[in-house]
Every structure is written in structure tokens, then in C-alpha cells.
Amino acid sequence: MAKGGFRGMPGGMNQAAMMKQAQKMQQEMLRMQQEQEAKTFSASAGGGVVCAVVNGKHELLELTIKPEAVDPDDVEMLQDMVLAAVNEALRTADAEAASNMSRLTGGLNLGGLF
């Protein structure tokens, strides 16, 4: 290897500088992941009669069901609303995590590198 870094690297970036930059990015990713896990995300279904709150770790923290959603003759409808609310809250959490990661990596897909 030539002294001073890799040939063709922009700005003559050497291996030590690349490693330092990779470590900085990894630390930033860890910080972002911790922040994401601490956040909560909510969604509702059935016009607001079912509401779910999840955190960034994909844990269901709260499930609220208004009395008018409970119809003993239509339990399937209530089940569907619960699933819809929980799944939408999880999708919201995932979308924010993906957006944050995209900002950090400049849209570069690292394919699970970090």
C-alpha cells in the first residue's frame, strides 16, 4: 500500500481515518437506537375506539378499548381493531427508525453492517 492512504480515495483518506469515521458512525447508530427504544408510538383504529401504544423495542405498553367497541356478538371486529392499532403503531416506530438510519448513512444501505 502506498504511503499516505489508498489510491483513488477522496481527499487521500487513510485507513486510520476511515476506521475512526466508522467508529464514530457506529457510536451514533448506538445512540440513535437507544433513543428510538425509549420513544413511544401510538395508533388507533375504529375511529379511535381502540388505541395502542408501543415503544421502539416493539413492546406493547398500553392498549385502550372504549366500551362502545365491545360487542359480545362481534368479537372478531374488536380483535381486528386491536390488531390494526398495534400493527400501525409498530409500523410507525419502524418508519421512524428507518428514517433516522437513512439520515445517518446518507441513504446508503449498509445491509446490516452495523
C-alpha atoms as a PDB file:
ATOM      1  CA  MET A   1       0.000   0.000   0.000  1.00  0.00           C
ATOM      2  CA  ALA A   2       1.286   3.438  -0.841  1.00  0.00           C
ATOM      3  CA  LYS A   3       2.273   5.718   1.985  1.00  0.00           C
ATOM      4  CA  GLY A   4      -0.458   8.197   2.852  1.00  0.00           C
ATOM      5  CA  GLY A   5      -3.504   6.010   2.168  1.00  0.00           C
ATOM      6  CA  PHE A   6      -5.368   4.190  -0.545  1.00  0.00           C
ATOM      7  CA  ARG A   7      -5.066   5.260  -4.139  1.00  0.00           C
ATOM      8  CA  GLY A   8      -8.177   6.822  -5.518  1.00  0.00           C
ATOM      9  CA  MET A   9      -9.667   7.616  -2.117  1.00  0.00           C
ATOM     10  CA  PRO A  10     -11.203  11.083  -1.986  1.00  0.00           C
ATOM     11  CA  GLY A  11      -9.070  13.540  -0.081  1.00  0.00           C
ATOM     12  CA  GLY A  12      -6.366  10.932   0.489  1.00  0.00           C
ATOM     13  CA  MET A  13      -8.315   9.350   3.382  1.00  0.00           C
ATOM     14  CA  ASN A  14      -6.117   6.773   5.056  1.00  0.00           C
ATOM     15  CA  GLN A  15      -7.119   3.595   6.807  1.00  0.00           C
ATOM     16  CA  ALA A  16      -6.878   5.088  10.308  1.00  0.00           C
ATOM     17  CA  ALA A  17      -9.177   7.952   9.352  1.00  0.00           C
ATOM     18  CA  MET A  18     -11.650   5.504   7.806  1.00  0.00           C
ATOM     19  CA  MET A  19     -11.674   3.409  10.971  1.00  0.00           C
ATOM     20  CA  LYS A  20     -12.182   6.495  13.129  1.00  0.00           C
ATOM     21  CA  GLN A  21     -15.082   7.586  10.926  1.00  0.00           C
ATOM     22  CA  ALA A  22     -16.619   4.076  11.061  1.00  0.00           C
ATOM     23  CA  GLN A  23     -16.347   4.038  14.870  1.00  0.00           C
ATOM     24  CA  LYS A  24     -17.982   7.456  15.066  1.00  0.00           C
ATOM     25  CA  MET A  25     -20.837   6.258  12.851  1.00  0.00           C
ATOM     26  CA  GLN A  26     -21.243   3.120  14.963  1.00  0.00           C
ATOM     27  CA  GLN A  27     -21.431   5.204  18.158  1.00  0.00           C
ATOM     28  CA  GLU A  28     -24.011   7.484  16.551  1.00  0.00           C
ATOM     29  CA  MET A  29     -26.065   4.454  15.465  1.00  0.00           C
ATOM     30  CA  LEU A  30     -25.983   3.089  19.012  1.00  0.00           C
ATOM     31  CA  ARG A  31     -27.105   6.451  20.402  1.00  0.00           C
ATOM     32  CA  MET A  32     -29.931   6.629  17.864  1.00  0.00           C
ATOM     33  CA  GLN A  33     -31.010   3.076  18.675  1.00  0.00           C
ATOM     34  CA  GLN A  34     -31.157   3.864  22.391  1.00  0.00           C
ATOM     35  CA  GLU A  35     -33.211   6.988  21.733  1.00  0.00           C
ATOM     36  CA  GLN A  36     -35.543   5.029  19.434  1.00  0.00           C
ATOM     37  CA  GLU A  37     -36.089   2.332  22.066  1.00  0.00           C
ATOM     38  CA  ALA A  38     -37.079   4.966  24.647  1.00  0.00           C
ATOM     39  CA  LYS A  39     -39.704   6.616  22.410  1.00  0.00           C
ATOM     40  CA  THR A  40     -43.366   5.683  22.321  1.00  0.00           C
ATOM     41  CA  PHE A  41     -45.620   5.445  19.290  1.00  0.00           C
ATOM     42  CA  SER A  42     -49.383   5.279  19.256  1.00  0.00           C
ATOM     43  CA  ALA A  43     -52.080   4.465  16.751  1.00  0.00           C
ATOM     44  CA  SER A  44     -55.814   3.967  16.857  1.00  0.00           C
ATOM     45  CA  ALA A  45     -58.423   2.012  14.946  1.00  0.00           C
ATOM     46  CA  GLY A  46     -62.167   2.006  14.624  1.00  0.00           C
ATOM     47  CA  GLY A  47     -62.416   5.765  14.734  1.00  0.00           C
ATOM     48  CA  GLY A  48     -60.421   5.924  17.956  1.00  0.00           C
ATOM     49  CA  VAL A  49     -62.246   3.265  19.986  1.00  0.00           C
ATOM     50  CA  VAL A  50     -59.076   1.154  20.154  1.00  0.00           C
ATOM     51  CA  CYS A  51     -55.702   2.761  20.845  1.00  0.00           C
ATOM     52  CA  ALA A  52     -52.314   1.043  21.126  1.00  0.00           C
ATOM     53  CA  VAL A  53     -49.041   2.455  22.437  1.00  0.00           C
ATOM     54  CA  VAL A  54     -45.741   0.696  21.696  1.00  0.00           C
ATOM     55  CA  ASN A  55     -42.122   1.582  22.301  1.00  0.00           C
ATOM     56  CA  GLY A  56     -39.121   1.407  19.993  1.00  0.00           C
ATOM     57  CA  LYS A  57     -38.326  -2.090  21.292  1.00  0.00           C
ATOM     58  CA  HIS A  58     -41.615  -3.320  19.792  1.00  0.00           C
ATOM     59  CA  GLU A  59     -43.206  -3.798  23.195  1.00  0.00           C
ATOM     60  CA  LEU A  60     -46.910  -3.103  23.642  1.00  0.00           C
ATOM     61  CA  LEU A  61     -47.087  -0.652  26.542  1.00  0.00           C
ATOM     62  CA  GLU A  62     -50.745   0.270  26.594  1.00  0.00           C
ATOM     63  CA  LEU A  63     -53.970  -0.862  25.000  1.00  0.00           C
ATOM     64  CA  THR A  64     -57.110   1.199  25.454  1.00  0.00           C
ATOM     65  CA  ILE A  65     -60.521  -0.099  24.389  1.00  0.00           C
ATOM     66  CA  LYS A  66     -63.541   2.145  24.764  1.00  0.00           C
ATOM     67  CA  PRO A  67     -66.723   0.418  25.998  1.00  0.00           C
ATOM     68  CA  GLU A  68     -68.581   1.098  22.754  1.00  0.00           C
ATOM     69  CA  ALA A  69     -66.056  -1.126  20.934  1.00  0.00           C
ATOM     70  CA  VAL A  70     -67.148  -4.150  22.938  1.00  0.00           C
ATOM     71  CA  ASP A  71     -69.946  -6.022  21.214  1.00  0.00           C
ATOM     72  CA  PRO A  72     -70.308  -9.593  22.503  1.00  0.00           C
ATOM     73  CA  ASP A  73     -71.926 -10.543  19.209  1.00  0.00           C
ATOM     74  CA  ASP A  74     -68.964  -9.271  17.167  1.00  0.00           C
ATOM     75  CA  VAL A  75     -65.760 -10.182  18.984  1.00  0.00           C
ATOM     76  CA  GLU A  76     -63.956 -10.567  15.653  1.00  0.00           C
ATOM     77  CA  MET A  77     -64.410  -6.853  14.905  1.00  0.00           C
ATOM     78  CA  LEU A  78     -62.760  -5.938  18.216  1.00  0.00           C
ATOM     79  CA  GLN A  79     -59.911  -8.355  17.549  1.00  0.00           C
ATOM     80  CA  ASP A  80     -59.377  -6.819  14.109  1.00  0.00           C
ATOM     81  CA  MET A  81     -59.312  -3.298  15.560  1.00  0.00           C
ATOM     82  CA  VAL A  82     -56.753  -4.319  18.212  1.00  0.00           C
ATOM     83  CA  LEU A  83     -54.535  -5.898  15.573  1.00  0.00           C
ATOM     84  CA  ALA A  84     -54.863  -2.868  13.310  1.00  0.00           C
ATOM     85  CA  ALA A  85     -53.961  -0.410  16.068  1.00  0.00           C
ATOM     86  CA  VAL A  86     -50.968  -2.415  17.320  1.00  0.00           C
ATOM     87  CA  ASN A  87     -49.623  -3.076  13.836  1.00  0.00           C
ATOM     88  CA  GLU A  88     -49.940   0.568  12.814  1.00  0.00           C
ATOM     89  CA  ALA A  89     -48.111   1.718  15.941  1.00  0.00           C
ATOM     90  CA  LEU A  90     -45.309  -0.767  15.180  1.00  0.00           C
ATOM     91  CA  ARG A  91     -45.123   0.416  11.565  1.00  0.00           C
ATOM     92  CA  THR A  92     -44.829   4.000  12.788  1.00  0.00           C
ATOM     93  CA  ALA A  93     -41.928   3.021  15.062  1.00  0.00           C
ATOM     94  CA  ASP A  94     -40.200   1.157  12.220  1.00  0.00           C
ATOM     95  CA  ALA A  95     -40.682   4.026   9.774  1.00  0.00           C
ATOM     96  CA  GLU A  96     -39.085   6.500  12.166  1.00  0.00           C
ATOM     97  CA  ALA A  97     -36.163   4.146  12.826  1.00  0.00           C
ATOM     98  CA  ALA A  98     -35.597   3.695   9.090  1.00  0.00           C
ATOM     99  CA  SER A  99     -35.788   7.443   8.511  1.00  0.00           C
ATOM    100  CA  ASN A 100     -33.247   8.123  11.261  1.00  0.00           C
ATOM    101  CA  MET A 101     -30.883   5.475   9.898  1.00  0.00           C
ATOM    102  CA  SER A 102     -31.210   6.854   6.384  1.00  0.00           C
ATOM    103  CA  ARG A 103     -30.277  10.326   7.620  1.00  0.00           C
ATOM    104  CA  LEU A 104     -27.223   8.944   9.392  1.00  0.00           C
ATOM    105  CA  THR A 105     -25.985   6.878   6.456  1.00  0.00           C
ATOM    106  CA  GLY A 106     -26.963   9.365   3.774  1.00  0.00           C
ATOM    107  CA  GLY A 107     -29.355   6.819   2.270  1.00  0.00           C
ATOM    108  CA  LEU A 108     -26.613   4.203   1.933  1.00  0.00           C
ATOM    109  CA  ASN A 109     -27.965   0.694   2.542  1.00  0.00           C
ATOM    110  CA  LEU A 110     -25.378  -0.963   4.797  1.00  0.00           C
ATOM    111  CA  GLY A 111     -27.210  -4.294   4.742  1.00  0.00           C
ATOM    112  CA  GLY A 112     -26.901  -4.996   8.468  1.00  0.00           C
ATOM    113  CA  LEU A 113     -23.235  -3.991   8.611  1.00  0.00           C
ATOM    114  CA  PHE A 114     -23.758  -2.219  11.931  1.00  0.00           C
END
